Amino acid sequence: MTGAKEDEFGPHPVKDQLPGVDFCVNSNPSWAEAIILGFQHYLVMLGTTVIIPTIIVPQMGGTNREKAELVQTLLFVSGVNTLLQSWFGSRLPVVIGGSYRFIIPVIYVALSSRFQAYLDPRERFKHTLRGMQGALIVSSILPILFGFLGLWRIIVRFLCPLSAVPLVTLVGLGLYEHGFPLLAECVEVGLPELIILILFSQFIPQWWKSNRPVVDRYAVLFSVGIVWTFAALLTVAGAYKNRPLQTQFSCRVDRSGLISGASWIRFPYPWQWGTPTVNAGETLIMLAAAFVAIIESTGSFIAAARFGSATHPPASVISRGIGWLGMGILFDGLWGTGVGSTVSVENVGLLALTRVGSRRVVQISAIFMLFFSILGKFGAVVASIPLPIVGALYCVLFAFMSSAGLGLLQFCNLNSFRTKFILGFSFFMGLSVPQYFNGYIITANHGPVHTHSAWFNGMMQVVFTSPATVAGIVALFLDLTLARSHAQSRRDSGRHWWAKFKYFERDARSAEFYSLPYNLSTYFPSV
């Protein structure tokens, strides 16, 4: 009886691999299930793929035609990058897609005075995109060198559970402005999506016990289908006929402009907009965005490994993934997507929602990206989902991403005041500093760093508006400098838990999850 009482009040056991996952990285559902789940991943990544061109194309002088072409190009390159990352990169079930962190440098290029001389909107769009291509191609050198030369591997080995908690958590929490504010642009569509998604994924499985999870595993498809149909009925019934244009754009299902602008068949190809041009200042700002993408993708890799029920990825595997992320940014520049790539945060959250971390599912989603990027009209129909529905998905999926970081607290000593300070201070600064930089622009029309060098101002704005970057740097610095020599600090930080994953060969499970296919590990060994 005493033993039972001790178990009741004892701490939860620490788990190297997350339990409760139905399919881990190496296991696969049936082909039918995998195809449906792959389409669900494709549906989730469409939000960012549409939102980013919607933001940047008008700044470049483009119309719905250019917007549709950019969406198709971004989809195509995302499919290629996802396949390469899952085959030869980190080997984790991650989708590689457009990154919001590249919007600042992209807008900087779009507003450059040298492109204002083009009076024809199509010509201005093409020349602006060529400037973005040049900056992306050069900036891709940073993650390629960091990744493939093993420089990032050296840095990642200093990470421990304590310093990783703020990094991983704020990769998700740092995108909060894309959640409920986007949902609230059309509450009558976004709020039902949020409620139905939570009901299907969390409550109904508790009320209705089933041997095979269906409602919760496909909750995104079911909820989006229901609410999208509801939004279409409201549109047909004329509910938004006399409403403001912004309300119509957010709520109606026929206002995205993608269907009318998309071609029936269009195959994106390198240099399709012309020869890229390079400007030193624009390239430096894009380099800052690439640096942020490296940091945030590292956090996403750690989260994806947890949700895929794999062991913590060794430093060499994360470095390999960053190298292939750099190749992805290079392809972004060659094809002209207008924006750089990173690990799709919402798709990492979907791994947790479905409890399916299968690599094959994500590879199938990449095939959907390639298919619909070429057959433009069909892809445009799916991509015309009202954005408030996407905002509702973000509310849940970004939350799951954040929970992966909080889950790492199990490795730390939360009764240590050193731990409390590092966690609290890094979280606070990770939220407070970006808020200051963003708020300063609104009031002063420029960032707080306001020197005569516009490129330097832009670099600072890019780095310090990323919550995960600020929090990760602060947490890592404090963990490496604050009482590091004390023997207890190593245990408080959970460093001893991840010691066996610093090097690839120290844990036999690393080869199971992260070895390269086709026996390539023999020629390209991880260390």
Protein backbone atom coordinates (compact mmCIF):
# COMPACT_ATOMS: atom_id res chain seq x y z
CA MET A 1 0.00 0.00 0.00
CA THR A 2 2.87 2.33 0.83
CA GLY A 3 4.55 1.54 -2.51
CA ALA A 4 1.36 2.39 -4.41
CA LYS A 5 1.10 5.73 -2.59
CA GLU A 6 4.74 6.52 -3.44
CA ASP A 7 4.04 5.77 -7.12
CA GLU A 8 1.01 8.04 -7.02
CA PHE A 9 3.03 11.01 -5.79
CA GLY A 10 6.26 10.19 -7.63
CA PRO A 11 7.44 12.21 -10.64
CA HIS A 12 6.59 11.10 -14.14
CA PRO A 13 9.40 9.05 -15.67
CA VAL A 14 11.68 10.78 -18.18
CA LYS A 15 11.31 9.49 -21.76
CA ASP A 16 14.01 9.75 -24.43
CA GLN A 17 11.32 8.94 -26.99
CA LEU A 18 7.80 10.33 -26.80
CA PRO A 19 5.29 7.56 -26.00
CA GLY A 20 1.77 7.39 -27.44
CA VAL A 21 2.82 7.95 -31.07
CA ASP A 22 0.99 5.55 -33.41
CA PHE A 23 3.59 5.58 -36.18
CA CYS A 24 7.17 6.68 -35.56
CA VAL A 25 9.62 8.05 -38.12
CA ASN A 26 10.46 4.62 -39.58
CA SER A 27 7.03 2.96 -39.37
CA ASN A 28 4.31 3.50 -41.94
CA PRO A 29 0.50 3.37 -41.98
CA SER A 30 -1.24 1.60 -44.84
CA TRP A 31 -0.87 3.19 -48.27
CA ALA A 32 -4.47 4.43 -48.24
CA GLU A 33 -4.01 6.07 -44.84
CA ALA A 34 -0.61 7.47 -45.83
CA ILE A 35 -2.05 9.12 -48.95
CA ILE A 36 -4.89 10.74 -47.00
CA LEU A 37 -2.52 11.90 -44.27
CA GLY A 38 -0.12 13.18 -46.92
CA PHE A 39 -2.89 15.25 -48.48
CA GLN A 40 -3.68 16.60 -45.01
CA HIS A 41 -0.05 17.76 -44.63
CA TYR A 42 -0.30 19.37 -48.07
CA LEU A 43 -3.49 21.17 -47.04
CA VAL A 44 -1.85 22.52 -43.88
CA MET A 45 1.26 23.89 -45.61
CA LEU A 46 -0.90 25.72 -48.19
CA GLY A 47 -1.69 28.47 -45.67
CA THR A 48 1.82 29.91 -45.52
CA THR A 49 2.34 29.18 -49.23
CA VAL A 50 -0.60 31.46 -50.09
CA ILE A 51 -0.21 34.08 -47.34
CA ILE A 52 3.38 35.03 -48.20
CA PRO A 53 2.74 35.74 -51.93
CA THR A 54 -0.45 37.58 -50.90
CA ILE A 55 1.72 39.91 -48.80
CA ILE A 56 4.68 40.44 -51.13
CA VAL A 57 3.23 40.37 -54.68
CA PRO A 58 1.31 43.69 -54.42
CA GLN A 59 4.53 45.33 -53.16
CA MET A 60 6.25 44.10 -56.33
CA GLY A 61 3.61 45.48 -58.69
CA GLY A 62 2.11 42.07 -59.41
CA THR A 63 -1.51 41.05 -60.02
CA ASN A 64 -3.47 37.85 -59.40
CA ARG A 65 -1.63 36.25 -62.31
CA GLU A 66 1.78 36.86 -60.74
CA LYS A 67 0.46 35.79 -57.35
CA ALA A 68 -0.76 32.47 -58.76
CA GLU A 69 2.55 31.89 -60.56
CA LEU A 70 4.52 32.60 -57.38
CA VAL A 71 2.30 30.22 -55.37
CA GLN A 72 2.86 27.49 -57.99
CA THR A 73 6.63 28.06 -57.95
CA LEU A 74 6.79 28.05 -54.14
CA LEU A 75 4.74 24.83 -54.06
CA PHE A 76 7.01 23.14 -56.59
CA VAL A 77 10.25 24.05 -54.81
CA SER A 78 8.72 23.12 -51.42
CA GLY A 79 7.95 19.67 -52.78
CA VAL A 80 11.50 19.21 -54.07
CA ASN A 81 13.05 20.51 -50.83
CA THR A 82 10.83 18.32 -48.65
CA LEU A 83 11.83 15.19 -50.56
CA LEU A 84 15.53 16.05 -50.39
CA GLN A 85 15.37 16.86 -46.67
CA SER A 86 13.56 13.60 -45.83
CA TRP A 87 15.89 11.50 -48.00
CA PHE A 88 19.32 13.04 -47.49
CA GLY A 89 18.97 15.75 -44.85
CA SER A 90 17.78 15.33 -41.28
CA ARG A 91 15.66 12.28 -42.32
CA LEU A 92 12.89 13.68 -40.12
CA PRO A 93 9.22 13.98 -41.22
CA VAL A 94 9.40 17.73 -41.84
CA VAL A 95 7.94 19.86 -44.63
CA ILE A 96 10.23 22.55 -46.02
CA GLY A 97 8.23 25.64 -47.02
CA GLY A 98 8.28 29.41 -47.21
CA SER A 99 9.34 31.36 -44.13
CA TYR A 100 7.76 34.48 -42.66
CA ARG A 101 11.23 35.55 -41.48
CA PHE A 102 12.20 36.39 -45.06
CA ILE A 103 9.38 38.90 -45.51
CA ILE A 104 11.37 41.86 -44.12
CA PRO A 105 14.28 41.47 -46.59
CA VAL A 106 11.85 40.70 -49.42
CA ILE A 107 9.88 43.91 -48.76
CA TYR A 108 13.20 45.78 -48.51
CA VAL A 109 14.05 44.58 -52.03
CA ALA A 110 10.56 45.28 -53.37
CA LEU A 111 10.63 48.91 -52.17
CA SER A 112 14.10 49.58 -53.58
CA SER A 113 14.18 52.77 -55.63
CA ARG A 114 15.87 51.09 -58.60
CA PHE A 115 12.73 49.08 -59.36
CA GLN A 116 10.35 52.04 -59.24
CA ALA A 117 11.52 53.16 -62.70
CA TYR A 118 9.63 50.29 -64.39
CA LEU A 119 6.20 51.58 -65.36
CA ASP A 120 4.88 48.26 -66.67
CA PRO A 121 3.71 46.23 -63.61
CA ARG A 122 4.77 42.91 -65.15
CA GLU A 123 8.28 44.18 -65.87
CA ARG A 124 8.61 45.68 -62.40
CA PHE A 125 7.50 42.37 -60.87
CA LYS A 126 10.07 40.40 -62.89
CA HIS A 127 12.99 42.72 -62.17
CA THR A 128 12.12 42.89 -58.46
CA LEU A 129 11.98 39.12 -58.29
CA ARG A 130 15.36 38.87 -59.99
CA GLY A 131 16.79 41.05 -57.22
CA MET A 132 15.30 38.69 -54.62
CA GLN A 133 16.71 35.70 -56.49
CA GLY A 134 20.24 37.08 -56.40
CA ALA A 135 20.03 37.82 -52.68
CA LEU A 136 18.64 34.34 -51.94
CA ILE A 137 21.29 32.55 -53.99
CA VAL A 138 24.14 34.33 -52.21
CA SER A 139 22.54 34.02 -48.74
CA SER A 140 22.14 30.24 -49.21
CA ILE A 141 25.92 29.98 -48.86
CA LEU A 142 25.62 30.56 -45.08
CA PRO A 143 23.51 27.48 -44.18
CA ILE A 144 25.29 25.37 -46.81
CA LEU A 145 28.70 26.11 -45.29
CA PHE A 146 27.43 25.92 -41.69
CA GLY A 147 25.74 22.60 -42.39
CA PHE A 148 28.04 20.68 -44.68
CA LEU A 149 31.31 21.86 -43.14
CA GLY A 150 30.07 20.81 -39.70
CA LEU A 151 30.26 24.31 -38.18
CA TRP A 152 26.66 24.12 -36.99
CA ARG A 153 27.36 20.69 -35.51
CA ILE A 154 29.92 22.30 -33.18
CA ILE A 155 27.40 24.91 -32.01
CA VAL A 156 24.54 22.45 -31.56
CA ARG A 157 26.66 20.28 -29.27
CA PHE A 158 26.51 23.10 -26.72
CA LEU A 159 22.69 22.85 -26.65
CA CYS A 160 21.11 21.07 -23.71
CA PRO A 161 17.46 20.58 -22.70
CA LEU A 162 17.48 23.79 -20.64
CA SER A 163 18.68 26.05 -23.46
CA ALA A 164 16.53 24.20 -26.01
CA VAL A 165 13.27 24.79 -24.11
CA PRO A 166 12.97 28.54 -24.96
CA LEU A 167 14.22 27.96 -28.50
CA VAL A 168 11.75 25.22 -29.41
CA THR A 169 8.82 26.75 -27.51
CA LEU A 170 9.14 30.19 -29.08
CA VAL A 171 9.43 28.78 -32.59
CA GLY A 172 5.70 28.11 -32.14
CA LEU A 173 4.69 30.88 -29.73
CA GLY A 174 6.62 33.44 -31.77
CA LEU A 175 4.09 33.08 -34.58
CA TYR A 176 1.13 34.07 -32.40
CA GLU A 177 0.28 37.07 -34.61
CA HIS A 178 -0.59 34.65 -37.42
CA GLY A 179 -3.11 32.75 -35.28
CA PHE A 180 -6.18 34.39 -33.77
CA PRO A 181 -5.65 37.79 -35.48
CA LEU A 182 -5.91 35.99 -38.83
CA LEU A 183 -8.90 33.99 -37.58
CA ALA A 184 -10.64 37.18 -36.42
CA GLU A 185 -10.61 38.69 -39.91
CA CYS A 186 -13.78 36.63 -40.44
CA VAL A 187 -15.03 35.35 -37.11
CA GLU A 188 -18.10 33.61 -38.52
CA VAL A 189 -15.80 31.34 -40.54
CA GLY A 190 -12.65 31.15 -38.42
CA LEU A 191 -14.22 30.53 -35.01
CA PRO A 192 -16.37 27.56 -36.14
CA GLU A 193 -13.23 26.03 -37.68
CA LEU A 194 -11.35 26.37 -34.38
CA ILE A 195 -14.22 24.92 -32.33
CA ILE A 196 -14.88 22.00 -34.70
CA LEU A 197 -11.17 21.19 -34.98
CA ILE A 198 -10.80 21.01 -31.19
CA LEU A 199 -13.99 18.95 -30.87
CA PHE A 200 -12.89 16.45 -33.52
CA SER A 201 -9.26 16.15 -32.39
CA GLN A 202 -9.64 16.27 -28.60
CA PHE A 203 -13.18 15.78 -27.24
CA ILE A 204 -14.91 13.32 -29.57
CA PRO A 205 -12.13 10.68 -29.21
CA GLN A 206 -12.71 10.85 -25.45
CA TRP A 207 -16.47 10.44 -25.79
CA TRP A 208 -16.42 7.86 -28.58
CA LYS A 209 -13.84 5.13 -28.04
CA SER A 210 -12.70 3.37 -31.22
CA ASN A 211 -10.06 0.77 -31.98
CA ARG A 212 -8.97 2.81 -35.01
CA PRO A 213 -8.52 6.58 -34.62
CA VAL A 214 -10.38 8.25 -37.47
CA VAL A 215 -12.02 11.46 -36.29
CA ASP A 216 -8.96 12.77 -34.47
CA ARG A 217 -6.42 11.61 -37.06
CA TYR A 218 -8.25 13.33 -39.92
CA ALA A 219 -9.66 16.21 -37.86
CA VAL A 220 -8.10 18.84 -40.13
CA LEU A 221 -9.70 17.37 -43.27
CA PHE A 222 -13.11 16.96 -41.64
CA SER A 223 -13.20 20.40 -40.03
CA VAL A 224 -11.87 22.27 -43.08
CA GLY A 225 -14.33 20.45 -45.34
CA ILE A 226 -17.30 21.35 -43.11
CA VAL A 227 -16.38 25.01 -42.60
CA TRP A 228 -15.26 25.55 -46.19
CA THR A 229 -18.68 24.30 -47.34
CA PHE A 230 -20.34 26.62 -44.82
CA ALA A 231 -18.28 29.57 -46.14
CA ALA A 232 -19.25 28.65 -49.72
CA LEU A 233 -22.94 28.63 -48.77
CA LEU A 234 -22.59 32.07 -47.18
CA THR A 235 -20.88 33.32 -50.33
CA VAL A 236 -23.56 31.93 -52.67
CA ALA A 237 -26.34 33.27 -50.44
CA GLY A 238 -24.92 36.79 -50.80
CA ALA A 239 -24.10 37.25 -47.14
CA TYR A 240 -21.09 39.43 -48.00
CA LYS A 241 -22.45 41.22 -51.06
CA ASN A 242 -22.57 44.68 -49.49
CA ARG A 243 -19.74 44.24 -46.98
CA PRO A 244 -16.37 46.06 -47.14
CA LEU A 245 -13.82 44.74 -49.63
CA GLN A 246 -11.48 43.49 -46.89
CA THR A 247 -14.32 41.48 -45.32
CA GLN A 248 -15.20 40.01 -48.70
CA PHE A 249 -11.57 39.06 -49.31
CA SER A 250 -11.35 37.31 -45.92
CA CYS A 251 -14.73 35.58 -45.85
CA ARG A 252 -15.71 34.76 -49.43
CA VAL A 253 -14.38 31.62 -51.14
CA ASP A 254 -14.09 33.32 -54.55
CA ARG A 255 -11.89 36.30 -53.72
CA SER A 256 -8.37 34.83 -53.52
CA GLY A 257 -7.76 35.48 -57.23
CA LEU A 258 -5.79 32.24 -57.53
CA ILE A 259 -8.25 30.33 -59.73
CA SER A 260 -8.54 33.12 -62.31
CA GLY A 261 -4.80 33.83 -62.24
CA ALA A 262 -3.52 30.24 -62.42
CA SER A 263 -2.65 28.43 -65.66
CA TRP A 264 -4.07 25.00 -66.37
CA ILE A 265 -0.59 23.53 -66.75
CA ARG A 266 2.62 25.34 -65.89
CA PHE A 267 6.00 23.79 -65.13
CA PRO A 268 8.21 26.06 -62.96
CA TYR A 269 11.84 26.09 -64.06
CA PRO A 270 15.09 27.79 -62.94
CA TRP A 271 15.62 31.43 -63.99
CA GLN A 272 12.04 31.61 -65.28
CA TRP A 273 11.95 35.34 -64.45
CA GLY A 274 15.29 36.14 -66.09
CA THR A 275 18.89 36.42 -64.88
CA PRO A 276 19.15 37.16 -61.13
CA THR A 277 20.76 40.42 -60.03
CA VAL A 278 22.78 40.99 -56.89
CA ASN A 279 22.87 44.01 -54.58
CA ALA A 280 25.24 43.90 -51.61
CA GLY A 281 22.91 45.55 -49.09
CA GLU A 282 19.94 43.38 -50.01
CA THR A 283 22.12 40.27 -49.80
CA LEU A 284 23.30 41.12 -46.28
CA ILE A 285 19.72 41.50 -45.04
CA MET A 286 18.82 38.18 -46.69
CA LEU A 287 21.83 36.61 -44.95
CA ALA A 288 20.35 37.69 -41.61
CA ALA A 289 17.08 35.96 -42.54
CA ALA A 290 19.01 32.81 -43.50
CA PHE A 291 20.71 32.90 -40.09
CA VAL A 292 17.31 33.13 -38.37
CA ALA A 293 16.03 30.24 -40.54
CA ILE A 294 18.98 28.13 -39.34
CA ILE A 295 18.13 28.75 -35.67
CA GLU A 296 14.38 28.28 -36.01
CA SER A 297 14.77 25.14 -38.15
CA THR A 298 17.04 23.66 -35.48
CA GLY A 299 14.21 24.07 -32.98
CA SER A 300 11.76 22.51 -35.43
CA PHE A 301 14.06 19.52 -36.03
CA ILE A 302 14.16 18.86 -32.27
CA ALA A 303 10.35 19.07 -32.04
CA ALA A 304 9.81 16.84 -35.09
CA ALA A 305 12.08 14.20 -33.59
CA ARG A 306 9.97 14.21 -30.41
CA PHE A 307 6.66 13.97 -32.25
CA GLY A 308 8.07 11.27 -34.51
CA SER A 309 9.00 9.24 -31.40
CA ALA A 310 12.65 9.28 -32.44
CA THR A 311 15.59 9.90 -30.17
CA HIS A 312 17.06 13.38 -29.93
CA PRO A 313 18.81 14.07 -33.27
CA PRO A 314 22.62 13.99 -32.99
CA ALA A 315 24.43 17.25 -33.72
CA SER A 316 25.77 15.92 -37.02
CA VAL A 317 22.24 15.08 -38.20
CA ILE A 318 20.94 18.57 -37.39
CA SER A 319 23.98 20.03 -39.19
CA ARG A 320 23.26 17.82 -42.21
CA GLY A 321 19.67 19.03 -42.19
CA ILE A 322 20.80 22.65 -42.09
CA GLY A 323 23.08 22.01 -45.06
CA TRP A 324 20.13 20.73 -47.09
CA LEU A 325 18.05 23.67 -45.86
CA GLY A 326 20.72 25.85 -47.45
CA MET A 327 20.31 23.89 -50.68
CA GLY A 328 16.60 24.59 -50.39
CA ILE A 329 17.22 28.34 -50.14
CA LEU A 330 19.52 28.03 -53.16
CA PHE A 331 16.68 26.39 -55.11
CA ASP A 332 14.37 29.19 -53.94
CA GLY A 333 16.77 31.62 -55.55
CA LEU A 334 17.22 29.63 -58.75
CA TRP A 335 13.50 29.06 -59.32
CA GLY A 336 12.43 32.46 -57.99
CA THR A 337 9.98 31.72 -55.18
CA GLY A 338 10.42 35.24 -53.82
CA VAL A 339 11.10 33.96 -50.30
CA GLY A 340 13.50 31.64 -48.49
CA SER A 341 12.69 28.30 -46.88
CA THR A 342 12.53 26.91 -43.38
CA VAL A 343 10.93 23.94 -41.63
CA SER A 344 7.15 24.36 -41.72
CA VAL A 345 6.10 24.85 -38.09
CA GLU A 346 2.44 24.03 -38.71
CA ASN A 347 3.33 20.66 -40.21
CA VAL A 348 5.42 19.79 -37.15
CA GLY A 349 2.33 20.55 -35.07
CA LEU A 350 0.28 18.27 -37.34
CA LEU A 351 2.59 15.37 -36.43
CA ALA A 352 1.42 15.78 -32.83
CA LEU A 353 -2.24 16.24 -33.74
CA THR A 354 -2.38 13.04 -35.80
CA ARG A 355 0.21 11.12 -33.71
CA VAL A 356 1.68 9.97 -37.00
CA GLY A 357 5.36 10.81 -37.39
CA SER A 358 5.93 8.66 -40.47
CA ARG A 359 8.54 9.91 -42.93
CA ARG A 360 6.61 8.32 -45.80
CA VAL A 361 3.52 10.45 -45.11
CA VAL A 362 5.50 13.68 -45.49
CA GLN A 363 7.12 12.38 -48.68
CA ILE A 364 3.66 11.71 -50.10
CA SER A 365 2.65 15.27 -49.20
CA ALA A 366 5.66 16.47 -51.24
CA ILE A 367 4.31 14.57 -54.25
CA PHE A 368 0.98 16.40 -53.82
CA MET A 369 2.92 19.69 -53.80
CA LEU A 370 4.64 18.81 -57.07
CA PHE A 371 1.42 17.58 -58.69
CA PHE A 372 -0.71 20.61 -57.81
CA SER A 373 2.10 23.08 -58.61
CA ILE A 374 2.10 21.89 -62.21
CA LEU A 375 -1.70 21.50 -62.60
CA GLY A 376 -2.32 25.09 -61.55
CA LYS A 377 -6.11 25.35 -61.78
CA PHE A 378 -6.68 22.25 -59.64
CA GLY A 379 -4.17 23.42 -57.07
CA ALA A 380 -5.72 26.89 -57.02
CA VAL A 381 -9.11 25.46 -56.06
CA VAL A 382 -7.65 23.87 -52.92
CA ALA A 383 -5.48 26.91 -52.21
CA SER A 384 -8.49 29.25 -52.24
CA ILE A 385 -9.51 28.24 -48.70
CA PRO A 386 -10.45 31.42 -46.77
CA LEU A 387 -7.46 32.51 -44.70
CA PRO A 388 -9.41 32.72 -41.38
CA ILE A 389 -9.74 28.93 -41.62
CA VAL A 390 -5.94 28.77 -41.89
CA GLY A 391 -5.67 31.05 -38.85
CA ALA A 392 -7.80 28.62 -36.85
CA LEU A 393 -5.53 25.73 -37.83
CA TYR A 394 -2.52 27.77 -36.73
CA CYS A 395 -4.03 28.30 -33.27
CA VAL A 396 -3.89 24.56 -32.65
CA LEU A 397 -0.82 23.53 -34.66
CA PHE A 398 1.49 26.29 -33.40
CA ALA A 399 0.36 25.42 -29.88
CA PHE A 400 1.44 21.81 -30.38
CA MET A 401 4.80 23.03 -31.67
CA SER A 402 5.25 25.09 -28.50
CA SER A 403 4.35 22.12 -26.34
CA ALA A 404 7.32 20.19 -27.75
CA GLY A 405 9.63 22.74 -26.14
CA LEU A 406 7.80 22.64 -22.84
CA GLY A 407 8.07 18.84 -22.91
CA LEU A 408 11.85 19.15 -22.65
CA LEU A 409 11.43 20.50 -19.12
CA GLN A 410 11.22 16.88 -17.94
CA PHE A 411 15.02 16.68 -18.34
CA CYS A 412 15.67 19.79 -16.20
CA ASN A 413 15.69 20.42 -12.46
CA LEU A 414 12.84 22.87 -11.97
CA ASN A 415 13.68 23.26 -8.28
CA SER A 416 16.93 25.03 -9.16
CA PHE A 417 16.90 28.83 -9.04
CA ARG A 418 19.51 28.87 -11.80
CA THR A 419 17.10 26.93 -14.01
CA LYS A 420 14.23 29.25 -13.10
CA PHE A 421 16.23 32.37 -13.98
CA ILE A 422 17.50 31.07 -17.32
CA LEU A 423 14.05 29.90 -18.37
CA GLY A 424 12.16 32.95 -17.17
CA PHE A 425 14.62 35.54 -18.46
CA SER A 426 15.07 33.94 -21.88
CA PHE A 427 11.30 33.56 -22.36
CA PHE A 428 10.69 37.15 -21.29
CA MET A 429 13.40 38.60 -23.52
CA GLY A 430 12.30 36.38 -26.40
CA LEU A 431 8.86 37.99 -26.26
CA SER A 432 9.79 41.50 -25.11
CA VAL A 433 12.63 42.35 -27.53
CA PRO A 434 10.70 41.50 -30.74
CA GLN A 435 7.68 43.38 -29.39
CA TYR A 436 9.89 46.45 -28.90
CA PHE A 437 11.34 46.25 -32.40
CA ASN A 438 7.94 45.70 -34.03
CA GLY A 439 6.25 48.42 -31.98
CA TYR A 440 9.00 50.93 -32.73
CA ILE A 441 8.37 50.66 -36.47
CA ILE A 442 4.67 51.39 -35.98
CA THR A 443 5.32 54.58 -34.01
CA ALA A 444 8.51 55.89 -35.67
CA ASN A 445 8.19 54.36 -39.16
CA HIS A 446 11.66 52.84 -38.76
CA GLY A 447 13.35 50.36 -36.45
CA PRO A 448 15.15 51.27 -33.21
CA VAL A 449 18.49 50.64 -34.96
CA HIS A 450 18.55 53.68 -37.25
CA THR A 451 22.03 54.24 -38.69
CA HIS A 452 23.09 55.60 -42.08
CA SER A 453 23.43 52.01 -43.33
CA ALA A 454 19.98 50.78 -44.31
CA TRP A 455 21.27 47.23 -44.76
CA PHE A 456 22.57 47.14 -41.17
CA ASN A 457 19.26 48.46 -39.86
CA GLY A 458 17.46 45.75 -41.81
CA MET A 459 19.75 43.00 -40.50
CA MET A 460 19.10 44.02 -36.89
CA GLN A 461 15.36 44.18 -37.55
CA VAL A 462 15.34 40.67 -39.01
CA VAL A 463 17.33 39.07 -36.18
CA PHE A 464 15.66 40.84 -33.25
CA THR A 465 12.07 40.35 -34.44
CA SER A 466 12.49 36.56 -34.20
CA PRO A 467 11.39 35.46 -30.71
CA ALA A 468 13.03 32.03 -31.04
CA THR A 469 16.35 33.55 -32.12
CA VAL A 470 16.45 36.03 -29.23
CA ALA A 471 15.35 33.47 -26.63
CA GLY A 472 17.65 30.76 -27.96
CA ILE A 473 20.73 32.99 -27.95
CA VAL A 474 19.98 34.33 -24.46
CA ALA A 475 19.33 30.86 -23.02
CA LEU A 476 22.45 29.33 -24.59
CA PHE A 477 24.66 32.20 -23.42
CA LEU A 478 23.38 32.03 -19.84
CA ASP A 479 23.63 28.25 -19.68
CA LEU A 480 27.25 28.34 -20.89
CA THR A 481 28.37 31.16 -18.57
CA LEU A 482 26.25 31.02 -15.40
CA ALA A 483 27.81 28.66 -12.81
CA ARG A 484 28.79 26.22 -15.58
CA SER A 485 31.76 24.88 -13.59
CA HIS A 486 29.52 23.63 -10.78
CA ALA A 487 28.90 19.88 -10.98
CA GLN A 488 25.21 20.32 -10.14
CA SER A 489 24.66 22.74 -13.06
CA ARG A 490 25.22 19.92 -15.56
CA ARG A 491 22.43 17.87 -14.02
CA ASP A 492 20.14 20.86 -13.53
CA SER A 493 20.41 21.68 -17.24
CA GLY A 494 19.71 18.09 -18.25
CA ARG A 495 23.03 18.01 -20.09
CA HIS A 496 23.71 14.44 -18.98
CA TRP A 497 20.50 13.24 -20.67
CA TRP A 498 21.64 14.47 -24.11
CA ALA A 499 25.34 13.55 -23.73
CA LYS A 500 24.84 10.27 -25.62
CA PHE A 501 23.31 12.13 -28.58
CA LYS A 502 26.19 14.57 -29.06
CA TYR A 503 27.90 12.04 -31.30
CA PHE A 504 26.15 9.78 -33.78
CA GLU A 505 27.73 6.49 -32.74
CA ARG A 506 27.15 6.85 -28.98
CA ASP A 507 23.55 5.60 -29.18
CA ALA A 508 22.61 2.64 -31.39
CA ARG A 509 19.15 4.09 -32.04
CA SER A 510 20.64 7.02 -33.97
CA ALA A 511 21.48 4.73 -36.87
CA GLU A 512 17.93 3.35 -36.84
CA PHE A 513 16.33 6.77 -37.29
CA TYR A 514 18.92 8.93 -39.04
CA SER A 515 21.09 6.75 -41.30
CA LEU A 516 21.10 7.78 -44.95
CA PRO A 517 19.29 5.55 -47.48
CA TYR A 518 20.91 3.39 -50.15
CA ASN A 519 23.85 2.69 -47.82
CA LEU A 520 25.08 6.27 -48.35
CA SER A 521 26.14 6.48 -44.69
CA THR A 522 29.15 4.38 -45.66
CA TYR A 523 30.39 7.17 -47.92
CA PHE A 524 29.02 10.12 -45.91
CA PRO A 525 29.32 9.03 -42.27
CA SER A 526 27.79 11.07 -39.45
CA VAL A 527 30.04 11.78 -36.47
